[in-house]
């Protein structure tokens, strides 16, 4: 887990706007890792999770055998700007995810993140989860209020995007 996910009593539908920009986790790099069998004790965790972050690069990772989402970036469930921006999810391979829970994605995003990119990733279809309470699992899932991403050149067995109230600045280039 990287970035900030709030503290007790923090209302996630209100933008996190630290008084000093450097108070937000920034310029993180998560690259060239092999992550497998993650989140076996807490099925709701992603293999790579980055909450309130900006200028973060997640690239060249291999993620597999995950009970929820493979790579998660963003937090807050808000269309308003909250300091998250310029995040890059590139060149990753995500397979065999959503093994126990849905409302998931091989790549999963939340909230407004202007200038961010999802590109060059290879993502399998979600695993048929035995405990899922809904059918919301996708290769790439833009959960509540995702905005500001440009999405291109990702390899998936079929086009599988999920949307939950996306913003008008979400660009998918086919």
N, C-alpha and C. Protein backbone atom coordinates (compact mmCIF):
# COMPACT_ATOMS: atom_id res chain seq x y z
N UNK A 1 0.85 -1.18 0.00
CA UNK A 1 0.00 0.00 0.00
C UNK A 1 0.89 1.23 0.00
N UNK A 2 0.49 2.19 -0.79
CA UNK A 2 1.23 3.44 -0.91
C UNK A 2 0.24 4.59 -0.84
N UNK A 3 0.71 5.73 -0.38
CA UNK A 3 -0.17 6.88 -0.29
C UNK A 3 -0.99 6.89 0.98
N UNK A 4 -1.90 7.83 1.03
CA UNK A 4 -2.73 8.02 2.22
C UNK A 4 -4.14 7.55 1.93
N UNK A 5 -4.75 6.84 2.87
CA UNK A 5 -6.11 6.33 2.70
C UNK A 5 -7.08 6.92 3.73
N UNK A 6 -6.66 7.94 4.44
CA UNK A 6 -7.53 8.57 5.43
C UNK A 6 -7.26 8.04 6.82
N UNK A 7 -7.97 8.61 7.75
CA UNK A 7 -7.88 8.19 9.15
C UNK A 7 -9.29 8.12 9.69
N UNK A 8 -9.44 7.60 10.86
CA UNK A 8 -10.77 7.44 11.43
C UNK A 8 -11.51 8.78 11.42
N UNK A 9 -12.73 8.76 10.92
CA UNK A 9 -13.55 9.96 10.87
C UNK A 9 -13.40 10.78 9.60
N UNK A 10 -12.43 10.45 8.74
CA UNK A 10 -12.24 11.20 7.50
C UNK A 10 -13.36 10.87 6.52
N UNK A 11 -14.01 11.88 5.97
CA UNK A 11 -15.11 11.69 5.01
C UNK A 11 -14.52 11.61 3.60
N UNK A 12 -14.55 10.43 3.01
CA UNK A 12 -13.88 10.20 1.73
C UNK A 12 -14.59 10.84 0.54
N UNK A 13 -15.81 11.31 0.69
CA UNK A 13 -16.50 11.97 -0.42
C UNK A 13 -16.15 13.46 -0.51
N UNK A 14 -15.36 13.95 0.41
CA UNK A 14 -14.88 15.33 0.39
C UNK A 14 -13.41 15.28 -0.03
N UNK A 15 -12.98 16.12 -0.97
CA UNK A 15 -11.60 16.04 -1.44
C UNK A 15 -10.57 16.21 -0.33
N UNK A 16 -9.54 15.40 -0.42
CA UNK A 16 -8.38 15.54 0.47
C UNK A 16 -7.49 16.60 -0.15
N UNK A 17 -7.36 17.72 0.51
CA UNK A 17 -6.55 18.81 -0.01
C UNK A 17 -5.60 19.29 1.08
N UNK A 18 -4.43 18.66 1.18
CA UNK A 18 -3.49 19.08 2.21
C UNK A 18 -3.07 20.54 2.01
N UNK A 19 -2.85 21.23 3.11
CA UNK A 19 -2.49 22.65 3.05
C UNK A 19 -1.19 22.87 2.29
N UNK A 20 -0.28 21.93 2.41
CA UNK A 20 0.99 22.01 1.71
C UNK A 20 1.02 20.86 0.70
N UNK A 21 1.23 21.17 -0.57
CA UNK A 21 1.20 20.14 -1.61
C UNK A 21 2.14 18.98 -1.34
N UNK A 22 3.27 19.25 -0.70
CA UNK A 22 4.23 18.18 -0.44
C UNK A 22 3.73 17.21 0.63
N UNK A 23 2.61 17.53 1.29
CA UNK A 23 2.05 16.61 2.27
C UNK A 23 1.38 15.40 1.62
N UNK A 24 1.13 15.47 0.31
CA UNK A 24 0.57 14.31 -0.39
C UNK A 24 1.72 13.45 -0.88
N UNK A 25 1.58 12.14 -0.75
CA UNK A 25 2.61 11.23 -1.26
C UNK A 25 2.78 11.47 -2.75
N UNK A 26 4.01 11.66 -3.20
CA UNK A 26 4.24 11.96 -4.60
C UNK A 26 5.57 11.39 -5.06
N UNK A 27 5.69 11.27 -6.37
CA UNK A 27 6.89 10.75 -7.03
C UNK A 27 7.26 9.35 -6.54
N UNK A 28 6.25 8.52 -6.32
CA UNK A 28 6.50 7.13 -5.95
C UNK A 28 6.72 6.31 -7.22
N UNK A 29 7.56 5.29 -7.12
CA UNK A 29 7.79 4.37 -8.23
C UNK A 29 7.63 2.95 -7.72
N UNK A 30 6.74 2.21 -8.35
CA UNK A 30 6.55 0.79 -8.03
C UNK A 30 6.75 0.07 -9.35
N UNK A 31 7.92 -0.55 -9.52
CA UNK A 31 8.22 -1.13 -10.83
C UNK A 31 8.99 -2.44 -10.71
N UNK A 32 8.77 -3.27 -11.73
CA UNK A 32 9.46 -4.55 -11.91
C UNK A 32 9.35 -5.47 -10.71
N UNK A 33 8.16 -5.61 -10.20
CA UNK A 33 7.89 -6.55 -9.10
C UNK A 33 7.07 -7.71 -9.61
N UNK A 34 7.24 -8.86 -8.98
CA UNK A 34 6.36 -10.00 -9.23
C UNK A 34 5.56 -10.20 -7.96
N UNK A 35 4.25 -9.99 -8.05
CA UNK A 35 3.37 -10.05 -6.88
C UNK A 35 2.35 -11.15 -7.13
N UNK A 36 2.34 -12.17 -6.27
CA UNK A 36 1.43 -13.28 -6.46
C UNK A 36 0.87 -13.73 -5.12
N UNK A 37 -0.34 -14.26 -5.13
CA UNK A 37 -1.01 -14.74 -3.92
C UNK A 37 -1.11 -13.65 -2.85
N UNK A 38 -1.38 -12.43 -3.26
CA UNK A 38 -1.51 -11.31 -2.31
C UNK A 38 -2.92 -11.26 -1.74
N UNK A 39 -3.06 -10.68 -0.57
CA UNK A 39 -4.35 -10.41 0.08
C UNK A 39 -5.11 -11.68 0.42
N UNK A 40 -4.40 -12.67 0.92
CA UNK A 40 -5.07 -13.91 1.31
C UNK A 40 -5.78 -13.81 2.65
N UNK A 41 -5.34 -12.90 3.52
CA UNK A 41 -6.00 -12.73 4.81
C UNK A 41 -7.08 -11.67 4.76
N UNK A 42 -6.89 -10.63 3.98
CA UNK A 42 -7.91 -9.59 3.80
C UNK A 42 -8.23 -9.54 2.32
N UNK A 43 -9.29 -10.22 1.92
CA UNK A 43 -9.62 -10.34 0.51
C UNK A 43 -9.88 -8.99 -0.15
N UNK A 44 -10.18 -7.96 0.60
CA UNK A 44 -10.51 -6.66 0.03
C UNK A 44 -9.32 -5.80 -0.33
N UNK A 45 -8.11 -6.30 -0.18
CA UNK A 45 -6.92 -5.52 -0.53
C UNK A 45 -6.48 -5.83 -1.95
N UNK A 46 -6.00 -4.82 -2.64
CA UNK A 46 -5.41 -5.02 -3.95
C UNK A 46 -3.95 -5.44 -3.81
N UNK A 47 -3.40 -6.04 -4.85
CA UNK A 47 -1.99 -6.43 -4.82
C UNK A 47 -1.10 -5.19 -4.73
N UNK A 48 -1.44 -4.17 -5.52
CA UNK A 48 -0.77 -2.86 -5.45
C UNK A 48 -1.88 -1.85 -5.23
N UNK A 49 -1.81 -1.11 -4.14
CA UNK A 49 -2.83 -0.09 -3.83
C UNK A 49 -2.14 1.23 -3.53
N UNK A 50 -2.52 2.25 -4.28
CA UNK A 50 -1.99 3.60 -4.07
C UNK A 50 -3.18 4.53 -3.86
N UNK A 51 -3.31 5.09 -2.67
CA UNK A 51 -4.45 5.93 -2.33
C UNK A 51 -4.31 7.33 -2.88
N UNK A 52 -4.26 8.31 -1.99
CA UNK A 52 -4.06 9.70 -2.42
C UNK A 52 -2.59 9.86 -2.80
N UNK A 53 -2.30 9.82 -4.09
CA UNK A 53 -0.93 9.97 -4.60
C UNK A 53 -0.95 10.86 -5.83
N UNK A 54 0.21 11.38 -6.16
CA UNK A 54 0.36 12.11 -7.41
C UNK A 54 1.76 11.85 -7.97
N UNK A 55 1.89 12.03 -9.27
CA UNK A 55 3.17 11.82 -9.95
C UNK A 55 3.76 10.45 -9.60
N UNK A 56 2.90 9.43 -9.61
CA UNK A 56 3.31 8.08 -9.22
C UNK A 56 3.34 7.18 -10.45
N UNK A 57 4.38 6.36 -10.53
CA UNK A 57 4.59 5.44 -11.66
C UNK A 57 4.46 4.01 -11.16
N UNK A 58 3.54 3.25 -11.76
CA UNK A 58 3.39 1.83 -11.47
C UNK A 58 3.61 1.13 -12.80
N UNK A 59 4.78 0.49 -12.97
CA UNK A 59 5.12 -0.02 -14.30
C UNK A 59 5.93 -1.31 -14.24
N UNK A 60 5.72 -2.14 -15.26
CA UNK A 60 6.51 -3.34 -15.44
C UNK A 60 6.31 -4.41 -14.39
N UNK A 61 5.19 -4.38 -13.68
CA UNK A 61 4.93 -5.37 -12.63
C UNK A 61 4.15 -6.55 -13.19
N UNK A 62 4.35 -7.72 -12.57
CA UNK A 62 3.56 -8.91 -12.87
C UNK A 62 2.72 -9.21 -11.64
N UNK A 63 1.40 -9.17 -11.79
CA UNK A 63 0.48 -9.38 -10.68
C UNK A 63 -0.42 -10.56 -11.01
N UNK A 64 -0.52 -11.53 -10.09
CA UNK A 64 -1.38 -12.69 -10.35
C UNK A 64 -1.87 -13.32 -9.06
N UNK A 65 -2.95 -14.10 -9.18
CA UNK A 65 -3.54 -14.85 -8.06
C UNK A 65 -3.90 -13.90 -6.92
N UNK A 66 -4.82 -13.00 -7.19
CA UNK A 66 -5.22 -11.96 -6.24
C UNK A 66 -6.72 -12.09 -5.97
N UNK A 67 -7.12 -11.94 -4.73
CA UNK A 67 -8.52 -12.12 -4.36
C UNK A 67 -9.42 -10.95 -4.74
N UNK A 68 -8.83 -9.77 -4.93
CA UNK A 68 -9.61 -8.59 -5.31
C UNK A 68 -8.96 -7.99 -6.56
N UNK A 69 -8.73 -6.70 -6.58
CA UNK A 69 -8.16 -6.04 -7.75
C UNK A 69 -6.64 -6.19 -7.79
N UNK A 70 -6.10 -6.11 -9.01
CA UNK A 70 -4.66 -6.24 -9.18
C UNK A 70 -3.91 -4.96 -8.83
N UNK A 71 -4.22 -3.87 -9.52
CA UNK A 71 -3.58 -2.57 -9.29
C UNK A 71 -4.67 -1.54 -9.06
N UNK A 72 -4.64 -0.88 -7.91
CA UNK A 72 -5.65 0.13 -7.54
C UNK A 72 -4.96 1.47 -7.35
N UNK A 73 -5.48 2.50 -8.02
CA UNK A 73 -4.92 3.84 -7.86
C UNK A 73 -6.05 4.84 -7.64
N UNK A 74 -5.93 5.62 -6.58
CA UNK A 74 -6.92 6.64 -6.25
C UNK A 74 -7.71 6.30 -5.02
N UNK A 75 -8.31 7.33 -4.45
CA UNK A 75 -9.15 7.18 -3.27
C UNK A 75 -10.09 8.36 -3.24
N UNK A 76 -11.16 8.26 -2.50
CA UNK A 76 -11.97 9.43 -2.24
C UNK A 76 -13.35 9.53 -2.86
N UNK A 77 -13.69 8.78 -3.86
CA UNK A 77 -15.06 8.79 -4.39
C UNK A 77 -15.57 10.21 -4.67
N UNK A 78 -14.76 11.04 -5.32
CA UNK A 78 -15.20 12.41 -5.58
C UNK A 78 -14.79 12.87 -6.98
N UNK A 79 -15.66 13.59 -7.68
CA UNK A 79 -15.29 14.15 -8.98
C UNK A 79 -14.45 15.42 -8.84
N UNK A 80 -14.35 15.96 -7.65
CA UNK A 80 -13.62 17.20 -7.43
C UNK A 80 -12.11 16.94 -7.36
N UNK A 81 -11.33 17.94 -7.71
CA UNK A 81 -9.88 17.78 -7.63
C UNK A 81 -9.45 17.66 -6.18
N UNK A 82 -8.56 16.71 -5.95
CA UNK A 82 -8.09 16.48 -4.59
C UNK A 82 -6.57 16.36 -4.52
N UNK A 83 -5.89 16.80 -5.54
CA UNK A 83 -4.43 16.74 -5.54
C UNK A 83 -3.86 15.53 -6.25
N UNK A 84 -4.67 14.49 -6.46
CA UNK A 84 -4.18 13.33 -7.21
C UNK A 84 -4.07 13.74 -8.67
N UNK A 85 -2.92 13.45 -9.28
CA UNK A 85 -2.74 13.79 -10.69
C UNK A 85 -1.45 13.16 -11.21
N UNK A 86 -1.38 13.10 -12.54
CA UNK A 86 -0.17 12.64 -13.24
C UNK A 86 0.31 11.26 -12.76
N UNK A 87 -0.62 10.36 -12.54
CA UNK A 87 -0.27 8.99 -12.17
C UNK A 87 -0.23 8.14 -13.43
N UNK A 88 0.74 7.20 -13.47
CA UNK A 88 0.95 6.39 -14.67
C UNK A 88 0.92 4.91 -14.30
N UNK A 89 0.05 4.17 -14.98
CA UNK A 89 -0.03 2.71 -14.82
C UNK A 89 0.31 2.14 -16.19
N UNK A 90 1.55 1.68 -16.37
CA UNK A 90 2.02 1.31 -17.71
C UNK A 90 2.80 -0.01 -17.69
N UNK A 91 2.61 -0.79 -18.74
CA UNK A 91 3.43 -1.96 -18.98
C UNK A 91 3.33 -3.07 -17.94
N UNK A 92 2.22 -3.15 -17.24
CA UNK A 92 2.03 -4.20 -16.23
C UNK A 92 1.29 -5.39 -16.84
N UNK A 93 1.44 -6.55 -16.22
CA UNK A 93 0.67 -7.74 -16.59
C UNK A 93 -0.14 -8.15 -15.37
N UNK A 94 -1.46 -8.25 -15.52
CA UNK A 94 -2.35 -8.62 -14.41
C UNK A 94 -3.19 -9.81 -14.85
N UNK A 95 -3.06 -10.93 -14.12
CA UNK A 95 -3.81 -12.14 -14.44
C UNK A 95 -4.39 -12.76 -13.17
N UNK A 96 -5.42 -13.54 -13.33
CA UNK A 96 -6.02 -14.33 -12.25
C UNK A 96 -6.34 -13.47 -11.02
N UNK A 97 -7.15 -12.46 -11.22
CA UNK A 97 -7.55 -11.54 -10.14
C UNK A 97 -9.05 -11.69 -9.90
N UNK A 98 -9.56 -11.04 -8.88
CA UNK A 98 -10.98 -11.13 -8.48
C UNK A 98 -11.35 -12.58 -8.17
N UNK A 99 -10.44 -13.28 -7.51
CA UNK A 99 -10.66 -14.70 -7.20
C UNK A 99 -11.73 -14.93 -6.14
N UNK A 100 -11.96 -13.94 -5.27
CA UNK A 100 -12.96 -14.09 -4.21
C UNK A 100 -14.03 -13.00 -4.23
N UNK A 101 -13.66 -11.78 -4.63
CA UNK A 101 -14.57 -10.63 -4.57
C UNK A 101 -14.66 -9.93 -5.91
N UNK A 102 -15.81 -9.33 -6.18
CA UNK A 102 -15.97 -8.50 -7.36
C UNK A 102 -16.05 -7.03 -6.95
N UNK A 103 -16.67 -6.20 -7.77
CA UNK A 103 -16.54 -4.75 -7.70
C UNK A 103 -15.05 -4.44 -7.85
N UNK A 104 -14.45 -5.12 -8.82
CA UNK A 104 -12.99 -5.19 -8.94
C UNK A 104 -12.56 -4.98 -10.39
N UNK A 105 -11.26 -4.76 -10.54
CA UNK A 105 -10.67 -4.68 -11.87
C UNK A 105 -9.24 -5.16 -11.84
N UNK A 106 -8.76 -5.64 -12.97
CA UNK A 106 -7.33 -5.91 -13.08
C UNK A 106 -6.58 -4.63 -12.76
N UNK A 107 -7.10 -3.52 -13.32
CA UNK A 107 -6.69 -2.17 -12.94
C UNK A 107 -7.95 -1.45 -12.50
N UNK A 108 -7.89 -0.83 -11.32
CA UNK A 108 -9.05 -0.21 -10.68
C UNK A 108 -8.68 1.21 -10.29
N UNK A 109 -9.54 2.17 -10.63
CA UNK A 109 -9.26 3.57 -10.30
C UNK A 109 -10.45 4.21 -9.60
N UNK A 110 -10.16 5.26 -8.84
CA UNK A 110 -11.18 6.04 -8.14
C UNK A 110 -10.85 7.53 -8.25
N UNK A 111 -11.85 8.33 -8.42
CA UNK A 111 -11.78 9.80 -8.31
C UNK A 111 -11.04 10.47 -9.46
N UNK A 112 -11.04 11.78 -9.39
CA UNK A 112 -10.46 12.64 -10.41
C UNK A 112 -8.94 12.67 -10.28
N UNK A 113 -8.24 12.33 -11.37
CA UNK A 113 -6.78 12.31 -11.38
C UNK A 113 -6.27 12.89 -12.70
N UNK A 114 -6.36 14.21 -12.88
CA UNK A 114 -5.98 14.84 -14.15
C UNK A 114 -4.57 14.46 -14.58
N UNK A 115 -4.40 14.30 -15.90
CA UNK A 115 -3.08 14.02 -16.46
C UNK A 115 -2.58 12.61 -16.24
N UNK A 116 -3.44 11.69 -15.84
CA UNK A 116 -3.02 10.32 -15.55
C UNK A 116 -3.19 9.42 -16.77
N UNK A 117 -2.45 8.30 -16.78
CA UNK A 117 -2.37 7.42 -17.95
C UNK A 117 -2.48 5.96 -17.54
N UNK A 118 -3.23 5.19 -18.33
CA UNK A 118 -3.23 3.72 -18.25
C UNK A 118 -2.89 3.25 -19.66
N UNK A 119 -1.70 2.65 -19.85
CA UNK A 119 -1.27 2.32 -21.20
C UNK A 119 -0.32 1.12 -21.21
N UNK A 120 -0.44 0.31 -22.25
CA UNK A 120 0.52 -0.77 -22.48
C UNK A 120 0.44 -1.92 -21.50
N UNK A 121 -0.67 -2.07 -20.82
CA UNK A 121 -0.84 -3.16 -19.86
C UNK A 121 -1.46 -4.38 -20.54
N UNK A 122 -1.19 -5.56 -20.00
CA UNK A 122 -1.82 -6.80 -20.45
C UNK A 122 -2.66 -7.31 -19.29
N UNK A 123 -3.96 -7.49 -19.53
CA UNK A 123 -4.88 -7.83 -18.44
C UNK A 123 -5.78 -8.97 -18.89
N UNK A 124 -5.83 -10.04 -18.09
CA UNK A 124 -6.73 -11.15 -18.39
C UNK A 124 -8.14 -10.80 -17.94
N UNK A 125 -9.08 -11.64 -18.29
CA UNK A 125 -10.44 -11.49 -17.77
C UNK A 125 -10.45 -11.88 -16.29
N UNK A 126 -11.39 -11.34 -15.50
CA UNK A 126 -11.45 -11.69 -14.08
C UNK A 126 -11.77 -13.16 -13.86
N UNK A 127 -11.30 -13.65 -12.75
CA UNK A 127 -11.58 -15.02 -12.33
C UNK A 127 -13.07 -15.12 -11.94
N UNK A 128 -13.74 -16.23 -12.17
CA UNK A 128 -15.13 -16.37 -11.72
C UNK A 128 -15.19 -16.55 -10.20
N UNK A 129 -15.40 -15.47 -9.49
CA UNK A 129 -15.34 -15.48 -8.02
C UNK A 129 -16.53 -16.22 -7.40
N UNK A 130 -16.27 -17.14 -6.48
CA UNK A 130 -17.36 -17.91 -5.87
C UNK A 130 -18.20 -17.12 -4.87
N UNK A 131 -17.64 -16.04 -4.28
CA UNK A 131 -18.36 -15.31 -3.24
C UNK A 131 -18.86 -13.95 -3.69
N UNK A 132 -18.71 -13.64 -4.95
CA UNK A 132 -19.10 -12.32 -5.44
C UNK A 132 -20.61 -12.11 -5.28
N UNK A 133 -20.97 -10.91 -4.83
CA UNK A 133 -22.39 -10.58 -4.64
C UNK A 133 -22.97 -9.82 -5.84
N UNK A 134 -22.11 -9.52 -6.82
CA UNK A 134 -22.57 -8.87 -8.04
C UNK A 134 -21.64 -9.28 -9.18
N UNK A 135 -21.91 -8.82 -10.37
CA UNK A 135 -21.09 -9.21 -11.52
C UNK A 135 -20.16 -8.08 -11.96
N UNK A 136 -19.81 -7.20 -11.04
CA UNK A 136 -18.99 -6.04 -11.38
C UNK A 136 -17.50 -6.36 -11.26
N UNK A 137 -16.96 -7.02 -12.27
CA UNK A 137 -15.52 -7.25 -12.37
C UNK A 137 -15.13 -7.06 -13.83
N UNK A 138 -14.06 -6.31 -14.04
CA UNK A 138 -13.69 -5.89 -15.39
C UNK A 138 -12.17 -5.90 -15.52
N UNK A 139 -11.68 -5.89 -16.75
CA UNK A 139 -10.24 -5.75 -16.95
C UNK A 139 -9.78 -4.40 -16.39
N UNK A 140 -10.48 -3.33 -16.78
CA UNK A 140 -10.20 -2.00 -16.23
C UNK A 140 -11.51 -1.44 -15.71
N UNK A 141 -11.51 -1.07 -14.43
CA UNK A 141 -12.73 -0.58 -13.78
C UNK A 141 -12.52 0.84 -13.31
N UNK A 142 -13.28 1.76 -13.90
CA UNK A 142 -13.26 3.17 -13.51
C UNK A 142 -14.37 3.35 -12.48
N UNK A 143 -14.03 3.17 -11.22
CA UNK A 143 -15.05 3.28 -10.18
C UNK A 143 -15.37 4.75 -9.93
N UNK A 144 -16.16 4.99 -8.94
CA UNK A 144 -16.87 6.25 -8.75
C UNK A 144 -16.02 7.49 -9.02
N UNK A 145 -16.50 8.26 -9.99
CA UNK A 145 -15.98 9.59 -10.32
C UNK A 145 -14.57 9.56 -10.91
N UNK A 146 -14.12 8.42 -11.44
CA UNK A 146 -12.82 8.41 -12.12
C UNK A 146 -12.86 9.41 -13.26
N UNK A 147 -11.82 10.22 -13.34
CA UNK A 147 -11.72 11.23 -14.38
C UNK A 147 -10.25 11.58 -14.58
N UNK A 148 -9.94 12.19 -15.72
CA UNK A 148 -8.60 12.70 -15.96
C UNK A 148 -7.62 11.69 -16.53
N UNK A 149 -8.05 10.46 -16.78
CA UNK A 149 -7.17 9.44 -17.34
C UNK A 149 -7.25 9.43 -18.86
N UNK A 150 -6.11 9.14 -19.50
CA UNK A 150 -6.07 8.76 -20.90
C UNK A 150 -5.69 7.29 -20.93
N UNK A 151 -6.50 6.48 -21.61
CA UNK A 151 -6.35 5.03 -21.61
C UNK A 151 -6.09 4.58 -23.05
N UNK A 152 -4.97 3.86 -23.28
CA UNK A 152 -4.65 3.43 -24.64
C UNK A 152 -3.75 2.20 -24.64
N UNK A 153 -3.82 1.46 -25.74
CA UNK A 153 -2.89 0.37 -26.04
C UNK A 153 -2.79 -0.70 -24.97
N UNK A 154 -3.89 -1.02 -24.33
CA UNK A 154 -3.90 -2.11 -23.36
C UNK A 154 -4.39 -3.38 -24.05
N UNK A 155 -3.81 -4.52 -23.68
CA UNK A 155 -4.19 -5.80 -24.28
C UNK A 155 -5.11 -6.54 -23.33
N UNK A 156 -6.31 -6.88 -23.84
CA UNK A 156 -7.31 -7.62 -23.07
C UNK A 156 -7.94 -8.64 -24.00
N UNK A 157 -8.38 -9.80 -23.48
CA UNK A 157 -9.01 -10.79 -24.36
C UNK A 157 -10.27 -10.26 -25.04
N UNK A 158 -10.94 -9.34 -24.40
CA UNK A 158 -12.08 -8.64 -24.99
C UNK A 158 -12.16 -7.29 -24.30
N UNK A 159 -12.81 -6.34 -24.95
CA UNK A 159 -12.93 -5.02 -24.32
C UNK A 159 -13.77 -5.16 -23.07
N UNK A 160 -13.19 -4.89 -21.94
CA UNK A 160 -13.88 -5.06 -20.66
C UNK A 160 -13.58 -3.86 -19.77
N UNK A 161 -14.42 -2.83 -19.91
CA UNK A 161 -14.31 -1.64 -19.07
C UNK A 161 -15.55 -1.56 -18.20
N UNK A 162 -15.37 -1.19 -16.95
CA UNK A 162 -16.49 -0.93 -16.06
C UNK A 162 -16.49 0.54 -15.70
N UNK A 163 -17.69 1.12 -15.57
CA UNK A 163 -17.82 2.55 -15.29
C UNK A 163 -18.81 2.77 -14.15
N UNK A 164 -18.43 3.61 -13.21
CA UNK A 164 -19.33 4.04 -12.15
C UNK A 164 -19.22 5.56 -12.05
N UNK A 165 -20.11 6.25 -12.72
CA UNK A 165 -20.15 7.72 -12.74
C UNK A 165 -18.84 8.35 -13.18
N UNK A 166 -18.29 7.97 -14.34
CA UNK A 166 -17.02 8.56 -14.76
C UNK A 166 -17.18 10.04 -15.12
N UNK A 167 -16.08 10.76 -15.08
CA UNK A 167 -16.09 12.17 -15.45
C UNK A 167 -15.98 12.38 -16.95
N UNK A 168 -16.15 13.60 -17.37
CA UNK A 168 -16.16 13.93 -18.80
C UNK A 168 -14.75 13.99 -19.41
N UNK A 169 -13.72 13.95 -18.59
CA UNK A 169 -12.35 14.02 -19.10
C UNK A 169 -11.64 12.67 -19.08
N UNK A 170 -12.40 11.59 -19.04
CA UNK A 170 -11.86 10.24 -19.16
C UNK A 170 -11.80 9.92 -20.65
N UNK A 171 -10.58 9.68 -21.18
CA UNK A 171 -10.40 9.46 -22.62
C UNK A 171 -9.92 8.04 -22.86
N UNK A 172 -10.70 7.29 -23.63
CA UNK A 172 -10.30 5.94 -24.02
C UNK A 172 -10.00 5.98 -25.51
N UNK A 173 -8.75 5.73 -25.86
CA UNK A 173 -8.31 5.76 -27.25
C UNK A 173 -8.27 4.33 -27.75
N UNK A 174 -9.06 4.06 -28.79
CA UNK A 174 -9.14 2.68 -29.33
C UNK A 174 -8.33 2.56 -30.59
